[in-house]
Amino acid sequence: MKLLIVVAVAVPMLGACASRQATPPPPPPPPPPIVQVLVSPPPAAAPSAPSTPVAAPVVPAPITGAAPMIAPVVPPPPPALQAGEAFVTQPTPMRARPIGSGIIEQNIPAGASLRLEVRQVTRDGAWWFVKYQGQTGWVSERGLSQE
């Protein structure tokens, strides 16, 4: 492979000094020299073991003219329970914090009535802050019903 690079430099003409006598302008300077740079390809590497051809990755062509797809934002369904009176459907521990490993304050027996105050969703599921027999704590929503 040969590469030819031509570099041209423009030289502005200097104006002649003004004088009372009309003198012809000086001749233009000679054109700048043309620089040639020849690049030869690198020497070929020693032949190696035949290589296995590798397929080029397939890149799908972009779809033109189509509007971008935007996923609709769907709000989560409302909780099955609402703040207010509820009862326990199975023996349920009332905890100090809304996590499955929280300290158990007391156990609430099945059928007991309590008041739901605030709902919170954690990685351990949905929890309700409740009032039961003058005490407060967190109960998992799985053991509660309002029906």
Protein backbone atom coordinates (compact mmCIF):
# COMPACT_ATOMS: atom_id res chain seq x y z
CA MET A 1 0.00 0.00 0.00
CA LYS A 2 1.37 3.38 -0.92
CA LEU A 3 0.10 6.53 0.67
CA LEU A 4 0.62 9.88 -0.95
CA ILE A 5 0.33 12.96 1.25
CA VAL A 6 0.47 16.33 -0.44
CA VAL A 7 1.11 19.36 1.72
CA ALA A 8 0.58 22.78 0.19
CA VAL A 9 1.37 25.98 2.02
CA ALA A 10 -0.17 29.27 0.98
CA VAL A 11 2.18 32.22 1.19
CA PRO A 12 0.49 35.63 1.15
CA MET A 13 1.91 38.11 -1.31
CA LEU A 14 3.53 41.05 0.26
CA GLY A 15 2.41 44.33 -1.20
CA ALA A 16 4.97 46.60 -2.75
CA CYS A 17 5.90 49.75 -0.93
CA ALA A 18 4.07 52.72 -2.20
CA SER A 19 6.27 55.19 -3.94
CA ARG A 20 5.83 58.18 -6.19
CA GLN A 21 7.06 56.27 -9.20
CA ALA A 22 4.99 53.52 -10.62
CA THR A 23 6.95 50.34 -10.41
CA PRO A 24 5.77 47.02 -11.60
CA PRO A 25 4.92 44.58 -8.84
CA PRO A 26 7.62 42.03 -8.05
CA PRO A 27 7.20 38.62 -9.62
CA PRO A 28 5.25 36.14 -7.54
CA PRO A 29 7.32 33.84 -5.36
CA PRO A 30 7.86 30.32 -6.61
CA PRO A 31 5.26 27.79 -5.51
CA PRO A 32 6.08 25.88 -2.33
CA PRO A 33 7.58 22.47 -2.79
CA ILE A 34 5.33 19.42 -2.88
CA VAL A 35 6.12 16.96 -0.15
CA GLN A 36 5.55 13.30 -0.86
CA VAL A 37 5.43 10.74 1.89
CA LEU A 38 5.47 7.15 0.79
CA VAL A 39 4.40 4.57 3.28
CA SER A 40 5.06 0.95 2.61
CA PRO A 41 2.99 -1.78 4.20
CA PRO A 42 4.43 -3.55 7.22
CA PRO A 43 6.32 -6.74 6.47
CA ALA A 44 4.12 -9.79 6.27
CA ALA A 45 4.12 -11.96 9.35
CA ALA A 46 5.37 -15.48 9.15
CA PRO A 47 2.60 -17.84 8.10
CA SER A 48 0.88 -19.41 11.08
CA ALA A 49 -1.44 -22.32 11.50
CA PRO A 50 -4.60 -21.97 9.43
CA SER A 51 -7.23 -20.17 11.41
CA THR A 52 -10.88 -21.07 11.65
CA PRO A 53 -13.11 -18.44 10.07
CA VAL A 54 -15.19 -16.57 12.61
CA ALA A 55 -18.65 -15.33 11.69
CA ALA A 56 -19.28 -11.65 12.16
CA PRO A 57 -21.91 -10.82 14.77
CA VAL A 58 -25.38 -10.20 13.39
CA VAL A 59 -26.68 -6.79 14.33
CA PRO A 60 -30.36 -6.22 13.60
CA ALA A 61 -31.11 -3.18 11.51
CA PRO A 62 -32.96 -0.42 13.32
CA ILE A 63 -36.63 -0.11 12.59
CA THR A 64 -37.17 3.14 10.80
CA GLY A 65 -40.29 5.20 11.01
CA ALA A 66 -41.59 3.44 14.11
CA ALA A 67 -42.30 5.34 17.29
CA PRO A 68 -40.36 4.19 20.36
CA MET A 69 -42.25 1.79 22.58
CA ILE A 70 -42.98 3.06 26.05
CA ALA A 71 -44.19 0.61 28.66
CA PRO A 72 -47.33 1.83 30.37
CA VAL A 73 -47.04 2.65 34.04
CA VAL A 74 -49.47 0.46 35.90
CA PRO A 75 -50.06 1.37 39.52
CA PRO A 76 -50.07 -1.52 41.98
CA PRO A 77 -53.49 -2.76 42.98
CA PRO A 78 -54.91 -1.26 46.14
CA PRO A 79 -54.28 -3.35 49.24
CA ALA A 80 -56.97 -5.88 50.05
CA LEU A 81 -57.11 -4.45 53.57
CA GLN A 82 -57.83 -0.87 54.61
CA ALA A 83 -57.01 0.94 57.85
CA GLY A 84 -59.62 0.10 60.48
CA GLU A 85 -60.93 -2.94 62.33
CA ALA A 86 -59.70 -6.39 61.28
CA PHE A 87 -59.24 -9.84 62.76
CA VAL A 88 -56.49 -12.44 62.76
CA THR A 89 -57.17 -15.57 60.65
CA GLN A 90 -54.35 -17.68 62.14
CA PRO A 91 -52.06 -17.34 65.16
CA THR A 92 -49.81 -14.39 64.24
CA PRO A 93 -46.78 -12.84 65.97
CA MET A 94 -46.82 -9.08 66.56
CA ARG A 95 -43.27 -7.83 65.94
CA ALA A 96 -41.29 -4.74 66.94
CA ARG A 97 -40.25 -4.12 63.30
CA PRO A 98 -41.84 -4.97 59.91
CA ILE A 99 -39.45 -7.82 59.09
CA GLY A 100 -39.75 -11.56 59.51
CA SER A 101 -36.75 -11.63 61.87
CA GLY A 102 -38.04 -8.78 64.07
CA ILE A 103 -38.42 -9.30 67.83
CA ILE A 104 -41.79 -10.85 68.71
CA GLU A 105 -43.64 -8.58 71.15
CA GLN A 106 -46.51 -11.03 71.63
CA ASN A 107 -48.49 -13.70 69.80
CA ILE A 108 -52.03 -12.84 68.69
CA PRO A 109 -54.42 -15.82 68.65
CA ALA A 110 -56.62 -16.68 65.65
CA GLY A 111 -59.95 -14.82 65.71
CA ALA A 112 -58.62 -11.89 67.78
CA SER A 113 -59.78 -8.40 66.80
CA LEU A 114 -57.26 -5.57 66.25
CA ARG A 115 -56.99 -2.14 64.63
CA LEU A 116 -54.97 -1.65 61.41
CA GLU A 117 -53.17 1.71 61.36
CA VAL A 118 -50.47 1.91 58.64
CA ARG A 119 -49.45 -0.47 55.83
CA GLN A 120 -45.82 -0.88 54.77
CA VAL A 121 -44.34 -3.13 52.08
CA THR A 122 -40.83 -4.52 52.64
CA ARG A 123 -38.79 -7.29 51.03
CA ASP A 124 -40.48 -9.61 53.55
CA GLY A 125 -43.95 -8.72 52.24
CA ALA A 126 -46.74 -6.39 53.34
CA TRP A 127 -46.99 -5.44 57.04
CA TRP A 128 -49.53 -3.52 59.11
CA PHE A 129 -48.77 -1.41 62.15
CA VAL A 130 -51.55 -2.48 64.53
CA LYS A 131 -53.04 -1.79 67.96
CA TYR A 132 -53.98 -4.87 69.94
CA GLN A 133 -55.03 -4.86 73.59
CA GLY A 134 -53.33 -1.52 74.27
CA GLN A 135 -50.03 -2.52 72.59
CA THR A 136 -48.69 -1.62 69.17
CA GLY A 137 -46.50 -3.53 66.73
CA TRP A 138 -46.20 -4.93 63.23
CA VAL A 139 -48.20 -7.89 61.88
CA SER A 140 -47.79 -9.60 58.52
CA GLU A 141 -50.72 -8.96 56.21
CA ARG A 142 -50.96 -12.70 55.39
CA GLY A 143 -52.72 -13.52 58.65
CA LEU A 144 -55.28 -10.68 58.55
CA SER A 145 -58.80 -10.25 57.18
CA GLN A 146 -61.62 -7.70 57.30
CA GLU A 147 -64.37 -10.09 56.12
